[in-house]
Amino acid sequence: MFKPKNRNRIIADVFPTLSVGDCCINFVTTFKYLNDNLRDDDDIQREVKNMYVRTDILLCKFGKCSFNVKLKLFRTYCLCIALWHS
């Protein structure tokens, strides 16, 4: 879990331990999809890098194919359509 977004309303810097069953849930500064500012910039960068890797693999394996074939392959396997809302 993240600390509250509106930090000027924080009453204390130490919060009680939250647990689900026997598992304690800790505060973190980053998560796979969000950073401490609740921004998804890191996730977007990760997806862009993955797209470049997939594109390089496609060009390596299908570099001699026609432009239309490569375009179809790119749209199918490399271009992951994801909607990010800022």
PDB file of N, CA and C in Angstrom:
ATOM      1  N   MET A   1       0.838  -1.176   0.000  1.00  0.00           N
ATOM      2  CA  MET A   1       0.000   0.000   0.000  1.00  0.00           C
ATOM      3  C   MET A   1       0.879   1.234   0.000  1.00  0.00           C
ATOM      4  N   PHE A   2       0.381   2.301  -0.553  1.00  0.00           N
ATOM      5  CA  PHE A   2       1.111   3.550  -0.644  1.00  0.00           C
ATOM      6  C   PHE A   2       0.676   4.491   0.466  1.00  0.00           C
ATOM      7  N   LYS A   3       1.560   5.424   0.799  1.00  0.00           N
ATOM      8  CA  LYS A   3       1.193   6.466   1.745  1.00  0.00           C
ATOM      9  C   LYS A   3       0.137   7.363   1.108  1.00  0.00           C
ATOM     10  N   PRO A   4      -0.625   8.101   1.902  1.00  0.00           N
ATOM     11  CA  PRO A   4      -1.677   8.961   1.339  1.00  0.00           C
ATOM     12  C   PRO A   4      -1.124   9.956   0.329  1.00  0.00           C
ATOM     13  N   LYS A   5      -1.905  10.223  -0.707  1.00  0.00           N
ATOM     14  CA  LYS A   5      -1.486  11.135  -1.767  1.00  0.00           C
ATOM     15  C   LYS A   5      -1.377  12.569  -1.248  1.00  0.00           C
ATOM     16  N   ASN A   6      -2.312  12.997  -0.431  1.00  0.00           N
ATOM     17  CA  ASN A   6      -2.315  14.344   0.120  1.00  0.00           C
ATOM     18  C   ASN A   6      -1.496  14.334   1.418  1.00  0.00           C
ATOM     19  N   ARG A   7      -0.197  14.577   1.292  1.00  0.00           N
ATOM     20  CA  ARG A   7       0.721  14.423   2.416  1.00  0.00           C
ATOM     21  C   ARG A   7       0.554  15.488   3.506  1.00  0.00           C
ATOM     22  N   ASN A   8      -0.076  16.630   3.200  1.00  0.00           N
ATOM     23  CA  ASN A   8      -0.227  17.649   4.239  1.00  0.00           C
ATOM     24  C   ASN A   8      -1.319  17.271   5.239  1.00  0.00           C
ATOM     25  N   ARG A   9      -2.040  16.211   4.992  1.00  0.00           N
ATOM     26  CA  ARG A   9      -3.060  15.746   5.926  1.00  0.00           C
ATOM     27  C   ARG A   9      -2.604  14.534   6.737  1.00  0.00           C
ATOM     28  N   ILE A  10      -1.333  14.162   6.600  1.00  0.00           N
ATOM     29  CA  ILE A  10      -0.819  13.022   7.353  1.00  0.00           C
ATOM     30  C   ILE A  10      -0.730  13.402   8.821  1.00  0.00           C
ATOM     31  N   ILE A  11      -1.314  12.593   9.654  1.00  0.00           N
ATOM     32  CA  ILE A  11      -1.281  12.824  11.097  1.00  0.00           C
ATOM     33  C   ILE A  11      -0.029  12.205  11.698  1.00  0.00           C
ATOM     34  N   ALA A  12       0.383  11.069  11.164  1.00  0.00           N
ATOM     35  CA  ALA A  12       1.561  10.376  11.695  1.00  0.00           C
ATOM     36  C   ALA A  12       2.352   9.785  10.539  1.00  0.00           C
ATOM     37  N   ASP A  13       3.656   9.601  10.752  1.00  0.00           N
ATOM     38  CA  ASP A  13       4.500   8.962   9.748  1.00  0.00           C
ATOM     39  C   ASP A  13       4.536   7.451   9.914  1.00  0.00           C
ATOM     40  N   VAL A  14       4.087   6.975  11.038  1.00  0.00           N
ATOM     41  CA  VAL A  14       4.086   5.544  11.314  1.00  0.00           C
ATOM     42  C   VAL A  14       2.633   5.087  11.365  1.00  0.00           C
ATOM     43  N   PHE A  15       2.336   4.068  10.613  1.00  0.00           N
ATOM     44  CA  PHE A  15       0.983   3.554  10.559  1.00  0.00           C
ATOM     45  C   PHE A  15       0.946   2.157  11.171  1.00  0.00           C
ATOM     46  N   PRO A  16      -0.167   1.769  11.729  1.00  0.00           N
ATOM     47  CA  PRO A  16      -0.263   0.425  12.290  1.00  0.00           C
ATOM     48  C   PRO A  16      -0.109  -0.621  11.185  1.00  0.00           C
ATOM     49  N   THR A  17       0.376  -1.761  11.572  1.00  0.00           N
ATOM     50  CA  THR A  17       0.572  -2.851  10.630  1.00  0.00           C
ATOM     51  C   THR A  17      -0.775  -3.365  10.158  1.00  0.00           C
ATOM     52  N   LEU A  18      -0.917  -3.461   8.848  1.00  0.00           N
ATOM     53  CA  LEU A  18      -2.122  -4.008   8.260  1.00  0.00           C
ATOM     54  C   LEU A  18      -1.827  -5.447   7.886  1.00  0.00           C
ATOM     55  N   SER A  19      -2.684  -6.346   8.285  1.00  0.00           N
ATOM     56  CA  SER A  19      -2.454  -7.743   7.953  1.00  0.00           C
ATOM     57  C   SER A  19      -3.724  -8.372   7.419  1.00  0.00           C
ATOM     58  N   VAL A  20      -3.517  -9.310   6.529  1.00  0.00           N
ATOM     59  CA  VAL A  20      -4.600 -10.114   5.981  1.00  0.00           C
ATOM     60  C   VAL A  20      -4.272 -11.547   6.348  1.00  0.00           C
ATOM     61  N   GLY A  21      -5.072 -12.095   7.250  1.00  0.00           N
ATOM     62  CA  GLY A  21      -4.744 -13.420   7.772  1.00  0.00           C
ATOM     63  C   GLY A  21      -3.461 -13.323   8.574  1.00  0.00           C
ATOM     64  N   ASP A  22      -2.491 -14.144   8.229  1.00  0.00           N
ATOM     65  CA  ASP A  22      -1.188 -14.110   8.897  1.00  0.00           C
ATOM     66  C   ASP A  22      -0.161 -13.297   8.125  1.00  0.00           C
ATOM     67  N   CYS A  23      -0.550 -12.722   6.999  1.00  0.00           N
ATOM     68  CA  CYS A  23       0.380 -12.004   6.131  1.00  0.00           C
ATOM     69  C   CYS A  23       0.305 -10.503   6.397  1.00  0.00           C
ATOM     70  N   CYS A  24       1.451  -9.896   6.730  1.00  0.00           N
ATOM     71  CA  CYS A  24       1.512  -8.448   6.955  1.00  0.00           C
ATOM     72  C   CYS A  24       1.719  -7.734   5.625  1.00  0.00           C
ATOM     73  N   ILE A  25       1.028  -6.607   5.446  1.00  0.00           N
ATOM     74  CA  ILE A  25       1.158  -5.801   4.239  1.00  0.00           C
ATOM     75  C   ILE A  25       1.967  -4.562   4.588  1.00  0.00           C
ATOM     76  N   ASN A  26       3.065  -4.356   3.865  1.00  0.00           N
ATOM     77  CA  ASN A  26       3.980  -3.262   4.152  1.00  0.00           C
ATOM     78  C   ASN A  26       3.777  -2.093   3.194  1.00  0.00           C
ATOM     79  N   PHE A  27       4.204  -0.898   3.624  1.00  0.00           N
ATOM     80  CA  PHE A  27       4.239   0.257   2.739  1.00  0.00           C
ATOM     81  C   PHE A  27       5.415   0.097   1.791  1.00  0.00           C
ATOM     82  N   VAL A  28       5.225   0.504   0.543  1.00  0.00           N
ATOM     83  CA  VAL A  28       6.288   0.450  -0.455  1.00  0.00           C
ATOM     84  C   VAL A  28       6.372   1.795  -1.161  1.00  0.00           C
ATOM     85  N   THR A  29       7.520   2.085  -1.756  1.00  0.00           N
ATOM     86  CA  THR A  29       7.669   3.332  -2.515  1.00  0.00           C
ATOM     87  C   THR A  29       7.433   3.122  -3.996  1.00  0.00           C
ATOM     88  N   THR A  30       7.592   1.891  -4.472  1.00  0.00           N
ATOM     89  CA  THR A  30       7.304   1.589  -5.876  1.00  0.00           C
ATOM     90  C   THR A  30       6.599   0.249  -5.956  1.00  0.00           C
ATOM     91  N   PHE A  31       5.877   0.066  -7.016  1.00  0.00           N
ATOM     92  CA  PHE A  31       5.216  -1.192  -7.327  1.00  0.00           C
ATOM     93  C   PHE A  31       5.392  -1.400  -8.817  1.00  0.00           C
ATOM     94  N   LYS A  32       5.129  -2.577  -9.309  1.00  0.00           N
ATOM     95  CA  LYS A  32       5.376  -2.880 -10.714  1.00  0.00           C
ATOM     96  C   LYS A  32       4.740  -1.858 -11.645  1.00  0.00           C
ATOM     97  N   TYR A  33       3.565  -1.365 -11.324  1.00  0.00           N
ATOM     98  CA  TYR A  33       2.862  -0.472 -12.227  1.00  0.00           C
ATOM     99  C   TYR A  33       2.801   0.973 -11.743  1.00  0.00           C
ATOM    100  N   LEU A  34       3.175   1.246 -10.511  1.00  0.00           N
ATOM    101  CA  LEU A  34       3.080   2.602  -9.968  1.00  0.00           C
ATOM    102  C   LEU A  34       4.317   2.943  -9.166  1.00  0.00           C
ATOM    103  N   ASN A  35       4.671   4.244  -9.142  1.00  0.00           N
ATOM    104  CA  ASN A  35       5.735   4.679  -8.250  1.00  0.00           C
ATOM    105  C   ASN A  35       5.127   5.455  -7.089  1.00  0.00           C
ATOM    106  N   ASP A  36       5.956   6.023  -6.242  1.00  0.00           N
ATOM    107  CA  ASP A  36       5.490   6.675  -5.020  1.00  0.00           C
ATOM    108  C   ASP A  36       4.560   7.856  -5.302  1.00  0.00           C
ATOM    109  N   ASN A  37       4.704   8.476  -6.468  1.00  0.00           N
ATOM    110  CA  ASN A  37       3.841   9.602  -6.842  1.00  0.00           C
ATOM    111  C   ASN A  37       2.570   9.138  -7.534  1.00  0.00           C
ATOM    112  N   LEU A  38       2.318   7.826  -7.495  1.00  0.00           N
ATOM    113  CA  LEU A  38       1.167   7.203  -8.153  1.00  0.00           C
ATOM    114  C   LEU A  38       1.164   7.471  -9.652  1.00  0.00           C
ATOM    115  N   ARG A  39       2.355   7.505 -10.240  1.00  0.00           N
ATOM    116  CA  ARG A  39       2.516   7.694 -11.685  1.00  0.00           C
ATOM    117  C   ARG A  39       2.886   6.352 -12.308  1.00  0.00           C
ATOM    118  N   ASP A  40       2.491   6.148 -13.536  1.00  0.00           N
ATOM    119  CA  ASP A  40       2.792   4.896 -14.221  1.00  0.00           C
ATOM    120  C   ASP A  40       3.890   5.051 -15.276  1.00  0.00           C
ATOM    121  N   ASP A  41       4.736   6.069 -15.124  1.00  0.00           N
ATOM    122  CA  ASP A  41       5.803   6.318 -16.095  1.00  0.00           C
ATOM    123  C   ASP A  41       6.745   5.126 -16.230  1.00  0.00           C
ATOM    124  N   ASP A  42       7.081   4.488 -15.116  1.00  0.00           N
ATOM    125  CA  ASP A  42       7.993   3.336 -15.159  1.00  0.00           C
ATOM    126  C   ASP A  42       7.378   2.188 -15.946  1.00  0.00           C
ATOM    127  N   ASP A  43       6.084   1.973 -15.774  1.00  0.00           N
ATOM    128  CA  ASP A  43       5.399   0.911 -16.505  1.00  0.00           C
ATOM    129  C   ASP A  43       5.364   1.216 -18.000  1.00  0.00           C
ATOM    130  N   ILE A  44       5.140   2.466 -18.345  1.00  0.00           N
ATOM    131  CA  ILE A  44       5.119   2.861 -19.755  1.00  0.00           C
ATOM    132  C   ILE A  44       6.495   2.641 -20.369  1.00  0.00           C
ATOM    133  N   GLN A  45       7.553   3.038 -19.659  1.00  0.00           N
ATOM    134  CA  GLN A  45       8.921   2.826 -20.159  1.00  0.00           C
ATOM    135  C   GLN A  45       9.205   1.339 -20.360  1.00  0.00           C
ATOM    136  N   ARG A  46       8.750   0.517 -19.442  1.00  0.00           N
ATOM    137  CA  ARG A  46       8.955  -0.931 -19.549  1.00  0.00           C
ATOM    138  C   ARG A  46       8.260  -1.468 -20.795  1.00  0.00           C
ATOM    139  N   GLU A  47       7.036  -1.015 -21.043  1.00  0.00           N
ATOM    140  CA  GLU A  47       6.296  -1.472 -22.217  1.00  0.00           C
ATOM    141  C   GLU A  47       6.937  -0.984 -23.518  1.00  0.00           C
ATOM    142  N   VAL A  48       7.468   0.233 -23.527  1.00  0.00           N
ATOM    143  CA  VAL A  48       8.151   0.746 -24.721  1.00  0.00           C
ATOM    144  C   VAL A  48       9.395  -0.098 -25.009  1.00  0.00           C
ATOM    145  N   LYS A  49      10.162  -0.410 -23.966  1.00  0.00           N
ATOM    146  CA  LYS A  49      11.352  -1.253 -24.154  1.00  0.00           C
ATOM    147  C   LYS A  49      10.961  -2.629 -24.687  1.00  0.00           C
ATOM    148  N   ASN A  50       9.880  -3.198 -24.144  1.00  0.00           N
ATOM    149  CA  ASN A  50       9.417  -4.501 -24.628  1.00  0.00           C
ATOM    150  C   ASN A  50       9.014  -4.433 -26.097  1.00  0.00           C
ATOM    151  N   MET A  51       8.391  -3.332 -26.506  1.00  0.00           N
ATOM    152  CA  MET A  51       8.000  -3.180 -27.904  1.00  0.00           C
ATOM    153  C   MET A  51       9.234  -3.148 -28.811  1.00  0.00           C
ATOM    154  N   TYR A  52      10.289  -2.446 -28.380  1.00  0.00           N
ATOM    155  CA  TYR A  52      11.520  -2.410 -29.165  1.00  0.00           C
ATOM    156  C   TYR A  52      12.136  -3.802 -29.286  1.00  0.00           C
ATOM    157  N   VAL A  53      12.125  -4.556 -28.207  1.00  0.00           N
ATOM    158  CA  VAL A  53      12.681  -5.917 -28.244  1.00  0.00           C
ATOM    159  C   VAL A  53      11.889  -6.779 -29.220  1.00  0.00           C
ATOM    160  N   ARG A  54      10.552  -6.733 -29.128  1.00  0.00           N
ATOM    161  CA  ARG A  54       9.719  -7.531 -30.032  1.00  0.00           C
ATOM    162  C   ARG A  54       9.925  -7.105 -31.494  1.00  0.00           C
ATOM    163  N   THR A  55      10.084  -5.796 -31.716  1.00  0.00           N
ATOM    164  CA  THR A  55      10.305  -5.302 -33.074  1.00  0.00           C
ATOM    165  C   THR A  55      11.646  -5.788 -33.619  1.00  0.00           C
ATOM    166  N   ASP A  56      12.692  -5.755 -32.790  1.00  0.00           N
ATOM    167  CA  ASP A  56      13.997  -6.248 -33.230  1.00  0.00           C
ATOM    168  C   ASP A  56      13.945  -7.728 -33.589  1.00  0.00           C
ATOM    169  N   ILE A  57      13.237  -8.507 -32.781  1.00  0.00           N
ATOM    170  CA  ILE A  57      13.109  -9.942 -33.068  1.00  0.00           C
ATOM    171  C   ILE A  57      12.361 -10.151 -34.377  1.00  0.00           C
ATOM    172  N   LEU A  58      11.291  -9.387 -34.582  1.00  0.00           N
ATOM    173  CA  LEU A  58      10.512  -9.494 -35.818  1.00  0.00           C
ATOM    174  C   LEU A  58      11.386  -9.161 -37.028  1.00  0.00           C
ATOM    175  N   LEU A  59      12.144  -8.071 -36.948  1.00  0.00           N
ATOM    176  CA  LEU A  59      12.996  -7.676 -38.077  1.00  0.00           C
ATOM    177  C   LEU A  59      14.098  -8.695 -38.332  1.00  0.00           C
ATOM    178  N   CYS A  60      14.602  -9.289 -37.278  1.00  0.00           N
ATOM    179  CA  CYS A  60      15.656 -10.296 -37.431  1.00  0.00           C
ATOM    180  C   CYS A  60      15.116 -11.540 -38.142  1.00  0.00           C
ATOM    181  N   LYS A  61      13.928 -11.981 -37.750  1.00  0.00           N
ATOM    182  CA  LYS A  61      13.372 -13.211 -38.316  1.00  0.00           C
ATOM    183  C   LYS A  61      12.675 -12.995 -39.655  1.00  0.00           C
ATOM    184  N   PHE A  62      12.084 -11.817 -39.871  1.00  0.00           N
ATOM    185  CA  PHE A  62      11.275 -11.587 -41.073  1.00  0.00           C
ATOM    186  C   PHE A  62      11.756 -10.380 -41.879  1.00  0.00           C
ATOM    187  N   GLY A  63      13.029 -10.046 -41.775  1.00  0.00           N
ATOM    188  CA  GLY A  63      13.579  -8.879 -42.434  1.00  0.00           C
ATOM    189  C   GLY A  63      13.463  -8.902 -43.943  1.00  0.00           C
ATOM    190  N   LYS A  64      13.425 -10.079 -44.548  1.00  0.00           N
ATOM    191  CA  LYS A  64      13.370 -10.184 -46.005  1.00  0.00           C
ATOM    192  C   LYS A  64      11.949 -10.215 -46.549  1.00  0.00           C
ATOM    193  N   CYS A  65      10.966 -10.170 -45.661  1.00  0.00           N
ATOM    194  CA  CYS A  65       9.562 -10.169 -46.114  1.00  0.00           C
ATOM    195  C   CYS A  65       9.185  -8.787 -46.638  1.00  0.00           C
ATOM    196  N   SER A  66       8.072  -8.724 -47.326  1.00  0.00           N
ATOM    197  CA  SER A  66       7.605  -7.454 -47.880  1.00  0.00           C
ATOM    198  C   SER A  66       7.184  -6.499 -46.767  1.00  0.00           C
ATOM    199  N   PHE A  67       7.087  -5.227 -47.122  1.00  0.00           N
ATOM    200  CA  PHE A  67       6.684  -4.203 -46.159  1.00  0.00           C
ATOM    201  C   PHE A  67       5.317  -4.521 -45.564  1.00  0.00           C
ATOM    202  N   ASN A  68       4.365  -4.937 -46.393  1.00  0.00           N
ATOM    203  CA  ASN A  68       3.015  -5.222 -45.903  1.00  0.00           C
ATOM    204  C   ASN A  68       2.997  -6.386 -44.919  1.00  0.00           C
ATOM    205  N   VAL A  69       3.796  -7.398 -45.159  1.00  0.00           N
ATOM    206  CA  VAL A  69       3.888  -8.534 -44.231  1.00  0.00           C
ATOM    207  C   VAL A  69       4.484  -8.076 -42.907  1.00  0.00           C
ATOM    208  N   LYS A  70       5.580  -7.301 -42.975  1.00  0.00           N
ATOM    209  CA  LYS A  70       6.199  -6.803 -41.737  1.00  0.00           C
ATOM    210  C   LYS A  70       5.252  -5.895 -40.973  1.00  0.00           C
ATOM    211  N   LEU A  71       4.503  -5.071 -41.688  1.00  0.00           N
ATOM    212  CA  LEU A  71       3.537  -4.188 -41.034  1.00  0.00           C
ATOM    213  C   LEU A  71       2.458  -4.991 -40.317  1.00  0.00           C
ATOM    214  N   LYS A  72       1.951  -6.016 -40.960  1.00  0.00           N
ATOM    215  CA  LYS A  72       0.928  -6.869 -40.344  1.00  0.00           C
ATOM    216  C   LYS A  72       1.494  -7.575 -39.114  1.00  0.00           C
ATOM    217  N   LEU A  73       2.706  -8.098 -39.219  1.00  0.00           N
ATOM    218  CA  LEU A  73       3.350  -8.767 -38.080  1.00  0.00           C
ATOM    219  C   LEU A  73       3.585  -7.778 -36.936  1.00  0.00           C
ATOM    220  N   PHE A  74       4.034  -6.556 -37.288  1.00  0.00           N
ATOM    221  CA  PHE A  74       4.284  -5.545 -36.257  1.00  0.00           C
ATOM    222  C   PHE A  74       2.998  -5.210 -35.518  1.00  0.00           C
ATOM    223  N   ARG A  75       1.938  -4.968 -36.268  1.00  0.00           N
ATOM    224  CA  ARG A  75       0.661  -4.623 -35.625  1.00  0.00           C
ATOM    225  C   ARG A  75       0.127  -5.773 -34.782  1.00  0.00           C
ATOM    226  N   THR A  76       0.409  -7.002 -35.176  1.00  0.00           N
ATOM    227  CA  THR A  76      -0.099  -8.166 -34.461  1.00  0.00           C
ATOM    228  C   THR A  76       0.726  -8.486 -33.222  1.00  0.00           C
ATOM    229  N   TYR A  77       2.061  -8.465 -33.331  1.00  0.00           N
ATOM    230  CA  TYR A  77       2.908  -8.968 -32.252  1.00  0.00           C
ATOM    231  C   TYR A  77       3.679  -7.910 -31.477  1.00  0.00           C
ATOM    232  N   CYS A  78       3.866  -6.747 -32.035  1.00  0.00           N
ATOM    233  CA  CYS A  78       4.729  -5.757 -31.383  1.00  0.00           C
ATOM    234  C   CYS A  78       3.956  -4.598 -30.766  1.00  0.00           C
ATOM    235  N   LEU A  79       2.869  -4.230 -31.382  1.00  0.00           N
ATOM    236  CA  LEU A  79       2.140  -3.060 -30.958  1.00  0.00           C
ATOM    237  C   LEU A  79       1.063  -3.473 -29.957  1.00  0.00           C
ATOM    238  N   CYS A  80       1.404  -3.397 -28.685  1.00  0.00           N
ATOM    239  CA  CYS A  80       0.444  -3.720 -27.636  1.00  0.00           C
ATOM    240  C   CYS A  80      -0.341  -2.449 -27.342  1.00  0.00           C
ATOM    241  N   ILE A  81      -1.585  -2.459 -27.707  1.00  0.00           N
ATOM    242  CA  ILE A  81      -2.420  -1.290 -27.488  1.00  0.00           C
ATOM    243  C   ILE A  81      -2.827  -1.268 -26.015  1.00  0.00           C
ATOM    244  N   ALA A  82      -2.390  -0.248 -25.330  1.00  0.00           N
ATOM    245  CA  ALA A  82      -2.752  -0.066 -23.921  1.00  0.00           C
ATOM    246  C   ALA A  82      -3.143   1.385 -23.739  1.00  0.00           C
ATOM    247  N   LEU A  83      -4.120   1.622 -22.929  1.00  0.00           N
ATOM    248  CA  LEU A  83      -4.571   2.983 -22.692  1.00  0.00           C
ATOM    249  C   LEU A  83      -4.042   3.441 -21.343  1.00  0.00           C
ATOM    250  N   TRP A  84      -3.234   4.480 -21.373  1.00  0.00           N
ATOM    251  CA  TRP A  84      -2.732   5.081 -20.151  1.00  0.00           C
ATOM    252  C   TRP A  84      -3.411   6.424 -19.995  1.00  0.00           C
ATOM    253  N   HIS A  85      -3.888   6.686 -18.827  1.00  0.00           N
ATOM    254  CA  HIS A  85      -4.562   7.954 -18.556  1.00  0.00           C
ATOM    255  C   HIS A  85      -3.718   8.734 -17.574  1.00  0.00           C
ATOM    256  N   SER A  86      -3.320   9.931 -17.969  1.00  0.00           N
ATOM    257  CA  SER A  86      -2.465  10.733 -17.067  1.00  0.00           C
ATOM    258  C   SER A  86      -3.285  11.651 -16.194  1.00  0.00           C
TER     259      SER A  86
END
